[in-house]
């Protein structure tokens, strides 16, 4: 029993020790587990703190990046807005300039139209007043005849006739005053005419004196030229006799310009020199004559060259316009004018045959052959604009001669009686007379048929086919061939 109790106690003790050890192990494991958990929790906390700090730093960096991008974007938007605003203002300025130009052009055309209408109305009003005056005179004559017959019938009619007679006398008195005023005006104009003739006579005498002085100077120069010619001859010539040169119409003004604008003074002086050497030796005279003929031939060749260049430029532009008409009719469609084609198609088809297509279109538009939007078309920009053909036939452009007039051109025999103005058909007095291309006009009637500007003899143009005068700008605008026409 004692051993059993000892064994039982021993087992109980062992069991107690085992349980105490297990409890101790469990506590140690729990403590270790808790320490490990605390360590892991601390590591997790530190990791999360580091992650939070990294996230916060990254967010701050991202925010700075976003702010920088936003700032750059706003700056770019601001610059783009400023550029668009500048472009808009520039476009508005150009549009305003274009509208102002169009408005001024419209105002000018409207003013010209109103001026033409006013002149036409004044002419019609003058014709109507003249017709009314003649009708009134006829009626007045009929009334007077009736009053004369009816004056013998009744006293009332007699009184009426007396009143009308008084009115007639008053009209006659006024008519006499009018005729007296006209007579005084005619006397005044006659006095002005005589005064102008007297001044013209004085100017003529002054010009003759100047001409005599120039003649003397020319003779002196010719004598100086004749001396070396005589020395150059092989034989000793007899005593020299200088013949008086024959006066020619061209010798009156040695500095005059011919119809082509080329100075003829050198050729005329050479001709005068040759004529003065007739009394010199035969050898020297022949040499001078040959030199004069050579210079004259060179001068004529230069003039013909200039005429050829001008005529060639005009003919070239006429040929280009006719070629343009053919191409538009070939490539064009119907529906607008005679035919129409867009500029891009026309340029592609004629780029090898018509190198100056833009200039040709511009001249053709001025001559009302074609019509298109704008002033001048450019390849690549205005390809979609339609070129509309208005006419398929054109007349040859007249060749311009010169703005300078031949001084002997208007020296013709004056007709007998008073001269009449070819523009207004009224009498032309010497103080207001001007003659151009054998046409006599008042100075105020010598105007451009396009813009009505008063012209000057030093600068004007004349179309022989139409008989009209033009100023330089409008002659160039209407008839000159752009690109190859030389004035």
Protein backbone atom coordinates (compact mmCIF):
# COMPACT_ATOMS: atom_id res chain seq x y z
CA UNK A 1 0.00 0.00 0.00
CA UNK A 2 2.85 2.34 0.85
CA UNK A 3 4.57 1.62 -2.43
CA UNK A 4 1.36 2.11 -4.20
CA UNK A 5 0.88 5.39 -2.48
CA UNK A 6 4.49 6.36 -3.28
CA UNK A 7 4.00 5.35 -6.83
CA UNK A 8 0.78 7.23 -6.88
CA UNK A 9 2.41 10.28 -5.35
CA UNK A 10 5.35 9.96 -7.66
CA UNK A 11 3.07 9.73 -10.63
CA UNK A 12 1.09 12.65 -9.27
CA UNK A 13 4.27 14.62 -8.86
CA UNK A 14 5.47 13.68 -12.31
CA UNK A 15 2.09 14.56 -13.66
CA UNK A 16 2.21 17.88 -11.81
CA UNK A 17 5.75 18.53 -13.04
CA UNK A 18 4.77 17.57 -16.54
CA UNK A 19 1.77 19.83 -16.40
CA UNK A 20 3.85 22.64 -14.85
CA UNK A 21 6.45 22.17 -17.58
CA UNK A 22 3.77 22.13 -20.24
CA UNK A 23 2.24 25.25 -18.69
CA UNK A 24 5.67 26.83 -18.60
CA UNK A 25 6.27 25.81 -22.21
CA UNK A 26 2.88 27.15 -23.20
CA UNK A 27 3.61 30.43 -21.42
CA UNK A 28 7.05 30.62 -23.03
CA UNK A 29 5.53 29.84 -26.42
CA UNK A 30 2.79 32.40 -25.76
CA UNK A 31 5.39 34.93 -24.67
CA UNK A 32 7.50 34.20 -27.73
CA UNK A 33 4.42 34.31 -29.93
CA UNK A 34 3.43 37.62 -28.39
CA UNK A 35 6.96 38.98 -28.82
CA UNK A 36 6.96 37.78 -32.40
CA UNK A 37 3.52 39.31 -32.91
CA UNK A 38 4.68 42.54 -31.32
CA UNK A 39 7.75 42.50 -33.54
CA UNK A 40 5.70 41.82 -36.62
CA UNK A 41 3.19 44.44 -35.58
CA UNK A 42 6.01 46.93 -35.05
CA UNK A 43 7.53 45.99 -38.41
CA UNK A 44 4.11 46.35 -40.02
CA UNK A 45 3.66 49.70 -38.34
CA UNK A 46 7.10 50.85 -39.44
CA UNK A 47 6.47 49.53 -42.95
CA UNK A 48 3.13 51.28 -43.15
CA UNK A 49 4.72 54.44 -41.81
CA UNK A 50 7.44 54.20 -44.43
CA UNK A 51 4.84 53.47 -47.10
CA UNK A 52 2.76 56.40 -45.92
CA UNK A 53 5.83 58.63 -45.98
CA UNK A 54 6.77 57.39 -49.48
CA UNK A 55 3.19 57.82 -50.63
CA UNK A 56 3.11 61.32 -49.16
CA UNK A 57 6.44 62.19 -50.86
CA UNK A 58 5.22 60.67 -54.14
CA UNK A 59 1.93 62.55 -53.90
CA UNK A 60 3.85 65.77 -53.20
CA UNK A 61 6.11 65.07 -56.21
CA UNK A 62 3.08 64.21 -58.36
CA UNK A 63 1.37 67.37 -57.20
CA UNK A 64 4.45 69.45 -58.07
CA UNK A 65 4.57 67.72 -61.50
CA UNK A 66 0.86 68.32 -62.06
CA UNK A 67 1.20 71.93 -60.97
CA UNK A 68 4.14 72.40 -63.33
CA UNK A 69 2.22 70.79 -66.21
CA UNK A 70 -0.85 72.86 -65.40
CA UNK A 71 1.30 76.00 -65.34
CA UNK A 72 2.88 75.09 -68.68
CA UNK A 73 -0.53 74.25 -70.11
CA UNK A 74 -2.00 77.55 -68.92
CA UNK A 75 1.03 79.40 -70.33
CA UNK A 76 0.64 77.62 -73.69
CA UNK A 77 -3.09 78.34 -73.67
CA UNK A 78 -2.38 81.98 -72.87
CA UNK A 79 0.14 82.26 -75.71
CA UNK A 80 -2.25 80.48 -78.12
CA UNK A 81 -5.03 82.84 -77.04
CA UNK A 82 -2.78 85.86 -77.60
CA UNK A 83 -1.73 84.51 -81.04
CA UNK A 84 -5.34 83.90 -82.06
CA UNK A 85 -6.31 87.34 -80.80
CA UNK A 86 -3.47 88.93 -82.80
CA UNK A 87 -4.52 86.97 -85.89
CA UNK A 88 -8.14 87.99 -85.36
CA UNK A 89 -7.17 91.66 -85.01
CA UNK A 90 -4.96 91.45 -88.13
CA UNK A 91 -7.81 89.81 -90.06
CA UNK A 92 -10.24 92.45 -88.85
CA UNK A 93 -7.79 95.19 -89.85
CA UNK A 94 -7.32 93.73 -93.33
CA UNK A 95 -11.06 93.28 -93.71
CA UNK A 96 -11.63 96.87 -92.60
CA UNK A 97 -9.01 98.11 -95.09
CA UNK A 98 -10.62 96.06 -97.86
CA UNK A 99 -14.09 97.36 -97.02
CA UNK A 100 -12.76 100.92 -96.85
CA UNK A 101 -11.14 100.50 -100.27
CA UNK A 102 -14.32 99.04 -101.71
CA UNK A 103 -16.36 101.83 -100.14
CA UNK A 104 -14.11 104.52 -101.60
CA UNK A 105 -14.24 102.86 -105.03
CA UNK A 106 -18.03 102.63 -104.81
CA UNK A 107 -18.24 106.29 -103.72
CA UNK A 108 -16.02 107.31 -106.65
CA UNK A 109 -18.13 105.39 -109.15
CA UNK A 110 -21.31 106.73 -107.60
CA UNK A 111 -19.95 110.28 -107.84
CA UNK A 112 -19.01 109.74 -111.48
CA UNK A 113 -22.46 108.30 -112.21
CA UNK A 114 -24.20 111.21 -110.49
CA UNK A 115 -21.99 113.69 -112.34
CA UNK A 116 -22.90 112.07 -115.66
CA UNK A 117 -26.58 112.07 -114.74
CA UNK A 118 -26.37 115.70 -113.68
CA UNK A 119 -24.77 116.72 -116.96
CA UNK A 120 -27.34 114.74 -118.93
CA UNK A 121 -30.13 116.36 -116.92
CA UNK A 122 -28.65 119.82 -117.53
CA UNK A 123 -28.42 119.13 -121.26
CA UNK A 124 -32.02 117.90 -121.39
CA UNK A 125 -33.16 120.87 -119.31
CA UNK A 126 -31.37 123.27 -121.67
CA UNK A 127 -32.98 121.57 -124.69
CA UNK A 128 -36.38 121.74 -123.04
CA UNK A 129 -35.97 125.42 -122.19
CA UNK A 130 -34.89 126.15 -125.77
CA UNK A 131 -37.96 124.32 -127.12
CA UNK A 132 -40.20 126.15 -124.63
CA UNK A 133 -38.68 129.46 -125.66
CA UNK A 134 -39.32 128.83 -129.34
CA UNK A 135 -42.85 127.67 -128.61
CA UNK A 136 -43.43 130.77 -126.49
CA UNK A 137 -42.15 133.03 -129.26
CA UNK A 138 -44.48 131.35 -131.76
CA UNK A 139 -47.43 131.64 -129.40
CA UNK A 140 -46.54 135.25 -128.67
CA UNK A 141 -46.59 136.08 -132.38
CA UNK A 142 -49.97 134.39 -132.78
CA UNK A 143 -51.34 136.23 -129.77
CA UNK A 144 -50.18 139.60 -131.03
CA UNK A 145 -51.82 138.98 -134.40
CA UNK A 146 -55.07 138.01 -132.69
CA UNK A 147 -54.89 141.08 -130.41
CA UNK A 148 -54.38 143.34 -133.43
CA UNK A 149 -57.50 141.96 -135.14
CA UNK A 150 -59.62 141.96 -131.98
CA UNK A 151 -58.60 145.49 -130.91
CA UNK A 152 -61.25 146.99 -133.22
CA UNK A 153 -64.19 145.09 -131.78
CA UNK A 154 -64.84 145.98 -128.10
CA UNK A 155 -63.55 148.48 -125.57
CA UNK A 156 -62.76 145.73 -123.12
CA UNK A 157 -60.75 143.97 -125.75
CA UNK A 158 -59.07 147.31 -126.55
CA UNK A 159 -58.03 147.75 -122.93
CA UNK A 160 -56.71 144.21 -122.89
CA UNK A 161 -54.84 144.96 -126.10
CA UNK A 162 -53.38 148.12 -124.51
CA UNK A 163 -52.19 146.13 -121.54
CA UNK A 164 -50.60 143.53 -123.75
CA UNK A 165 -49.01 146.29 -125.82
CA UNK A 166 -47.49 147.73 -122.66
CA UNK A 167 -46.15 144.27 -121.82
CA UNK A 168 -44.77 143.95 -125.33
CA UNK A 169 -42.96 147.28 -125.00
CA UNK A 170 -41.53 146.19 -121.68
CA UNK A 171 -40.27 143.00 -123.31
CA UNK A 172 -38.77 144.98 -126.17
CA UNK A 173 -37.04 147.24 -123.67
CA UNK A 174 -35.61 144.21 -121.89
CA UNK A 175 -34.61 142.70 -125.21
CA UNK A 176 -32.83 145.96 -126.10
CA UNK A 177 -31.01 145.90 -122.77
CA UNK A 178 -30.05 142.28 -123.38
CA UNK A 179 -28.75 143.06 -126.86
CA UNK A 180 -26.82 146.03 -125.47
CA UNK A 181 -25.27 143.77 -122.83
CA UNK A 182 -24.36 141.20 -125.51
CA UNK A 183 -22.83 143.97 -127.60
CA UNK A 184 -20.74 145.12 -124.64
CA UNK A 185 -19.68 141.51 -124.00
CA UNK A 186 -18.75 141.12 -127.68
CA UNK A 187 -16.73 144.34 -127.53
CA UNK A 188 -14.98 143.10 -124.41
CA UNK A 189 -14.11 139.77 -126.05
CA UNK A 190 -12.93 141.57 -129.17
CA UNK A 191 -10.67 143.73 -126.99
CA UNK A 192 -9.36 140.59 -125.26
CA UNK A 193 -8.78 138.94 -128.64
CA UNK A 194 -6.85 141.97 -129.91
CA UNK A 195 -4.84 142.04 -126.69
CA UNK A 196 -4.09 138.33 -127.09
CA UNK A 197 -3.05 138.90 -130.71
CA UNK A 198 -0.82 141.73 -129.61
CA UNK A 199 0.78 139.50 -126.95
CA UNK A 200 1.12 136.70 -129.49
CA UNK A 201 2.84 139.14 -131.87
CA UNK A 202 5.23 140.17 -129.07
CA UNK A 203 5.92 136.48 -128.26
CA UNK A 204 6.48 135.78 -131.95
CA UNK A 205 8.97 138.63 -132.19
CA UNK A 206 10.72 137.34 -129.07
CA UNK A 207 10.88 133.83 -130.53
CA UNK A 208 12.25 135.20 -133.81
CA UNK A 209 14.94 137.05 -131.88
CA UNK A 210 15.80 133.86 -129.98
CA UNK A 211 15.80 131.93 -133.26
CA UNK A 212 18.16 134.46 -134.84
CA UNK A 213 20.46 134.14 -131.82
CA UNK A 214 20.37 130.32 -132.08
CA UNK A 215 21.01 130.62 -135.85
CA UNK A 216 24.08 132.75 -135.20
CA UNK A 217 25.38 130.30 -132.59
CA UNK A 218 24.79 127.37 -134.95
CA UNK A 219 26.63 129.14 -137.78
CA UNK A 220 29.56 129.72 -135.44
CA UNK A 221 29.58 126.00 -134.49
CA UNK A 222 29.33 124.99 -138.15
CA UNK A 223 32.27 127.23 -139.04
CA UNK A 224 34.25 125.60 -136.21
CA UNK A 225 33.35 122.16 -137.62
CA UNK A 226 34.14 123.20 -141.23
CA UNK A 227 37.73 124.26 -140.38
CA UNK A 228 39.02 120.75 -139.45
CA UNK A 229 37.17 119.32 -142.47
CA UNK A 230 39.06 121.72 -144.78
CA UNK A 231 42.36 120.86 -143.12
CA UNK A 232 41.67 117.13 -143.61
CA UNK A 233 41.27 117.49 -147.40
CA UNK A 234 44.38 116.65 -149.52
CA UNK A 235 44.13 119.66 -151.82
CA UNK A 236 44.28 123.29 -150.79
CA UNK A 237 40.70 124.53 -151.15
CA UNK A 238 39.91 128.01 -152.42
CA UNK A 239 38.66 130.70 -150.12
CA UNK A 240 35.80 129.19 -148.14
CA UNK A 241 32.30 130.46 -148.71
CA UNK A 242 29.71 129.40 -146.16
CA UNK A 243 26.31 129.09 -147.78
CA UNK A 244 23.23 130.23 -145.87
CA UNK A 245 21.44 127.09 -144.72
CA UNK A 246 17.97 126.52 -146.04
CA UNK A 247 15.42 127.03 -143.29
CA UNK A 248 13.33 123.97 -142.57
CA UNK A 249 10.32 123.45 -140.40
CA UNK A 250 12.30 121.14 -138.15
CA UNK A 251 14.94 123.89 -137.52
CA UNK A 252 12.44 125.97 -135.58
CA UNK A 253 12.81 123.87 -132.48
CA UNK A 254 16.04 121.84 -132.25
CA UNK A 255 15.15 120.37 -128.89
CA UNK A 256 11.75 119.02 -129.92
CA UNK A 257 10.86 115.40 -129.31
CA UNK A 258 9.48 113.21 -132.07
CA UNK A 259 6.35 111.10 -131.81
CA UNK A 260 8.29 108.21 -130.29
CA UNK A 261 9.75 110.33 -127.48
CA UNK A 262 13.30 110.24 -128.93
CA UNK A 263 15.30 113.43 -129.10
CA UNK A 264 15.86 114.51 -132.72
CA UNK A 265 18.17 117.43 -132.04
CA UNK A 266 21.35 115.46 -132.91
CA UNK A 267 20.00 114.29 -136.27
CA UNK A 268 18.69 117.77 -137.12
CA UNK A 269 22.00 119.40 -136.19
CA UNK A 270 23.81 116.85 -138.34
CA UNK A 271 21.49 117.68 -141.26
CA UNK A 272 22.09 121.40 -140.70
CA UNK A 273 25.84 120.80 -140.61
CA UNK A 274 25.69 118.92 -143.90
CA UNK A 275 23.71 121.74 -145.54
CA UNK A 276 26.18 124.41 -144.39
CA UNK A 277 29.13 122.53 -145.83
CA UNK A 278 27.87 122.81 -149.42
CA UNK A 279 30.23 125.70 -150.13
CA UNK A 280 33.27 123.83 -148.75
CA UNK A 281 35.51 121.45 -150.62
CA UNK A 282 33.91 118.48 -152.39
CA UNK A 283 35.85 115.89 -150.38
CA UNK A 284 35.05 117.44 -146.99
CA UNK A 285 31.42 118.02 -147.97
CA UNK A 286 30.96 114.42 -149.07
CA UNK A 287 32.48 113.16 -145.83
CA UNK A 288 30.16 115.32 -143.72
CA UNK A 289 27.16 114.27 -145.82
CA UNK A 290 27.99 110.57 -145.33
CA UNK A 291 28.41 111.03 -141.57
CA UNK A 292 25.07 112.84 -141.38
CA UNK A 293 23.35 110.08 -143.38
CA UNK A 294 24.91 107.42 -141.14
CA UNK A 295 23.68 109.13 -137.97
CA UNK A 296 20.24 109.59 -139.48
CA UNK A 297 20.10 105.87 -140.40
CA UNK A 298 21.13 104.88 -136.86
CA UNK A 299 18.50 107.19 -135.46
CA UNK A 300 15.75 105.71 -137.66
CA UNK A 301 16.87 102.16 -136.74
CA UNK A 302 16.53 102.99 -133.04
CA UNK A 303 13.09 104.44 -133.58
CA UNK A 304 11.96 101.38 -135.57
CA UNK A 305 13.32 99.11 -132.82
CA UNK A 306 11.24 100.92 -130.18
CA UNK A 307 8.16 100.81 -132.42
CA UNK A 308 8.68 97.07 -132.92
CA UNK A 309 8.98 96.39 -129.19
CA UNK A 310 5.76 98.28 -128.45
CA UNK A 311 3.79 96.69 -131.27
CA UNK A 312 5.14 93.26 -130.31
CA UNK A 313 4.04 93.64 -126.67
CA UNK A 314 0.51 94.65 -127.70
CA UNK A 315 0.18 91.82 -130.25
CA UNK A 316 1.54 89.26 -127.75
CA UNK A 317 -1.09 90.18 -125.15
CA UNK A 318 -3.89 90.07 -127.76
CA UNK A 319 -2.71 86.59 -128.81
CA UNK A 320 -2.59 85.44 -125.17
CA UNK A 321 -6.16 86.64 -124.56
CA UNK A 322 -7.42 84.87 -127.70
CA UNK A 323 -5.62 81.69 -126.57
CA UNK A 324 -7.27 82.09 -123.13
CA UNK A 325 -10.70 82.31 -124.79
CA UNK A 326 -10.01 79.10 -126.74
CA UNK A 327 -8.85 77.22 -123.60
CA UNK A 328 -11.86 78.31 -121.50
CA UNK A 329 -14.26 77.24 -124.27
CA UNK A 330 -12.44 73.89 -124.57
CA UNK A 331 -12.23 73.12 -120.83
CA UNK A 332 -15.27 75.01 -119.58
CA UNK A 333 -18.82 74.09 -118.71
CA UNK A 334 -22.08 75.86 -119.55
CA UNK A 335 -24.26 77.65 -117.03
CA UNK A 336 -22.34 80.85 -116.34
CA UNK A 337 -21.69 83.30 -119.18
CA UNK A 338 -20.54 81.64 -122.39
CA UNK A 339 -18.53 79.07 -120.41
CA UNK A 340 -16.74 78.73 -117.06
CA UNK A 341 -13.88 76.71 -115.62
CA UNK A 342 -12.10 76.72 -112.26
CA UNK A 343 -8.66 78.34 -112.09
CA UNK A 344 -6.89 75.15 -110.95
CA UNK A 345 -8.01 73.19 -114.04
CA UNK A 346 -7.16 76.12 -116.34
CA UNK A 347 -3.69 76.54 -114.78
CA UNK A 348 -2.88 72.83 -115.05
CA UNK A 349 -3.92 72.74 -118.71
CA UNK A 350 -2.04 75.91 -119.77
CA UNK A 351 1.07 75.95 -117.56
CA UNK A 352 3.29 74.99 -120.52
CA UNK A 353 1.60 77.15 -123.20
CA UNK A 354 0.68 80.29 -121.21
CA UNK A 355 3.47 81.23 -118.75
CA UNK A 356 1.81 84.56 -117.86
CA UNK A 357 -1.70 83.23 -117.16
CA UNK A 358 -2.33 85.41 -114.09
CA UNK A 359 -1.37 88.64 -115.90
CA UNK A 360 -3.39 87.60 -118.96
CA UNK A 361 -6.46 87.00 -116.78
CA UNK A 362 -6.01 90.39 -115.14
CA UNK A 363 -5.85 92.22 -118.49
CA UNK A 364 -8.76 90.17 -119.89
CA UNK A 365 -10.86 91.10 -116.86
CA UNK A 366 -10.14 94.81 -117.40
CA UNK A 367 -11.24 94.41 -121.03
CA UNK A 368 -14.48 92.66 -119.94
CA UNK A 369 -13.53 89.38 -121.61
CA UNK A 370 -13.65 87.23 -118.44
CA UNK A 371 -14.97 87.65 -114.90
CA UNK A 372 -13.74 86.20 -111.59
CA UNK A 373 -13.62 87.06 -107.92
CA UNK A 374 -10.69 89.11 -106.63
CA UNK A 375 -8.06 91.17 -108.41
CA UNK A 376 -5.49 88.48 -109.27
CA UNK A 377 -5.58 84.66 -109.04
CA UNK A 378 -2.72 82.62 -107.57
CA UNK A 379 -2.01 78.92 -108.14
CA UNK A 380 -2.67 76.76 -105.10
CA UNK A 381 -4.68 79.48 -103.32
CA UNK A 382 -7.47 80.34 -105.77
CA UNK A 383 -7.83 76.97 -107.56
CA UNK A 384 -11.53 76.72 -106.72
CA UNK A 385 -12.48 80.16 -108.12
CA UNK A 386 -14.45 80.03 -111.38
CA UNK A 387 -13.24 81.96 -114.44
CA UNK A 388 -16.36 83.01 -116.43
CA UNK A 389 -16.06 83.79 -120.16
CA UNK A 390 -18.10 86.88 -121.14
CA UNK A 391 -16.96 87.45 -124.75
CA UNK A 392 -15.37 85.20 -127.36
CA UNK A 393 -14.16 87.98 -129.70
CA UNK A 394 -11.78 90.92 -129.05
CA UNK A 395 -10.54 93.83 -131.11
CA UNK A 396 -6.87 94.56 -131.73
CA UNK A 397 -5.45 96.95 -129.14
CA UNK A 398 -4.31 100.26 -130.71
CA UNK A 399 -0.55 100.89 -130.50
CA UNK A 400 0.28 103.97 -128.46
CA UNK A 401 2.67 106.41 -130.15
CA UNK A 402 3.74 109.00 -127.61
CA UNK A 403 2.64 111.45 -125.00
CA UNK A 404 4.96 113.93 -126.67
CA UNK A 405 3.54 115.64 -129.73
CA UNK A 406 5.36 116.51 -132.94
CA UNK A 407 5.75 120.32 -132.92
CA UNK A 408 4.81 120.47 -136.63
CA UNK A 409 1.79 118.18 -136.27
CA UNK A 410 -0.82 120.87 -135.67
CA UNK A 411 0.68 123.49 -137.99
CA UNK A 412 -2.09 123.47 -140.56
CA UNK A 413 -3.83 126.14 -142.51
CA UNK A 414 -6.43 127.83 -140.35
CA UNK A 415 -9.98 127.78 -141.76
CA UNK A 416 -11.67 131.01 -142.62
CA UNK A 417 -14.09 132.42 -140.05
CA UNK A 418 -14.23 131.67 -136.29
CA UNK A 419 -12.98 128.25 -135.15
CA UNK A 420 -15.43 125.89 -133.45
CA UNK A 421 -14.64 123.52 -130.58
CA UNK A 422 -14.99 119.85 -131.62
CA UNK A 423 -16.34 119.02 -128.14
CA UNK A 424 -18.94 121.71 -127.42
CA UNK A 425 -19.29 123.25 -130.96
CA UNK A 426 -18.86 126.78 -129.59
CA UNK A 427 -16.55 129.52 -130.87
CA UNK A 428 -12.93 129.19 -129.70
CA UNK A 429 -11.09 132.45 -128.99
CA UNK A 430 -7.27 132.67 -129.13
CA UNK A 431 -6.90 133.02 -125.35
CA UNK A 432 -8.69 129.71 -124.71
CA UNK A 433 -7.60 127.74 -127.81
CA UNK A 434 -5.71 124.43 -127.79
CA UNK A 435 -5.03 122.16 -130.79
CA UNK A 436 -4.18 118.45 -130.58
CA UNK A 437 -4.08 115.94 -133.43
CA UNK A 438 -5.51 118.59 -135.81
CA UNK A 439 -8.52 119.13 -133.53
CA UNK A 440 -9.28 122.57 -132.07
CA UNK A 441 -10.84 122.76 -128.58
CA UNK A 442 -11.22 124.96 -125.55
CA UNK A 443 -8.63 124.36 -122.87
CA UNK A 444 -11.43 123.29 -120.52
CA UNK A 445 -12.86 120.89 -123.15
CA UNK A 446 -9.52 119.10 -123.66
CA UNK A 447 -10.30 116.26 -121.23
CA UNK A 448 -9.79 112.53 -120.75
CA UNK A 449 -12.81 110.64 -122.11
CA UNK A 450 -12.57 108.18 -119.19
CA UNK A 451 -12.09 110.32 -116.04
CA UNK A 452 -12.92 113.80 -117.44
CA UNK A 453 -9.59 115.24 -116.22
CA UNK A 454 -8.26 118.33 -118.04
CA UNK A 455 -5.28 117.24 -120.20
CA UNK A 456 -2.07 119.00 -121.20
CA UNK A 457 -0.31 118.95 -124.54
CA UNK A 458 2.85 117.69 -122.84
CA UNK A 459 1.18 114.43 -121.73
CA UNK A 460 -1.86 112.87 -123.38
CA UNK A 461 -2.83 109.88 -125.52
CA UNK A 462 -5.07 109.68 -128.63
CA UNK A 463 -6.90 106.69 -130.09
CA UNK A 464 -7.10 107.15 -133.87
CA UNK A 465 -9.86 104.54 -134.27
CA UNK A 466 -12.31 106.10 -131.80
CA UNK A 467 -11.06 109.70 -131.98
CA UNK A 468 -10.92 109.95 -128.16
CA UNK A 469 -8.27 111.49 -125.89
CA UNK A 470 -6.98 109.81 -122.73
CA UNK A 471 -4.74 110.58 -119.77
CA UNK A 472 -1.70 108.39 -119.15
CA UNK A 473 -3.12 106.20 -116.30
CA UNK A 474 -6.36 105.34 -118.09
CA UNK A 475 -4.65 104.72 -121.44
CA UNK A 476 -2.36 102.21 -119.71
CA UNK A 477 -5.32 100.66 -117.88
CA UNK A 478 -7.46 100.29 -121.02
CA UNK A 479 -4.96 99.47 -123.79
CA UNK A 480 -1.53 98.58 -122.40
CA UNK A 481 -0.36 94.98 -122.39
CA UNK A 482 0.94 94.24 -118.89
CA UNK A 483 4.36 92.70 -118.62
CA UNK A 484 5.77 93.73 -121.98
CA UNK A 485 4.45 97.18 -122.81
CA UNK A 486 6.90 100.05 -122.63
CA UNK A 487 5.94 103.72 -122.49
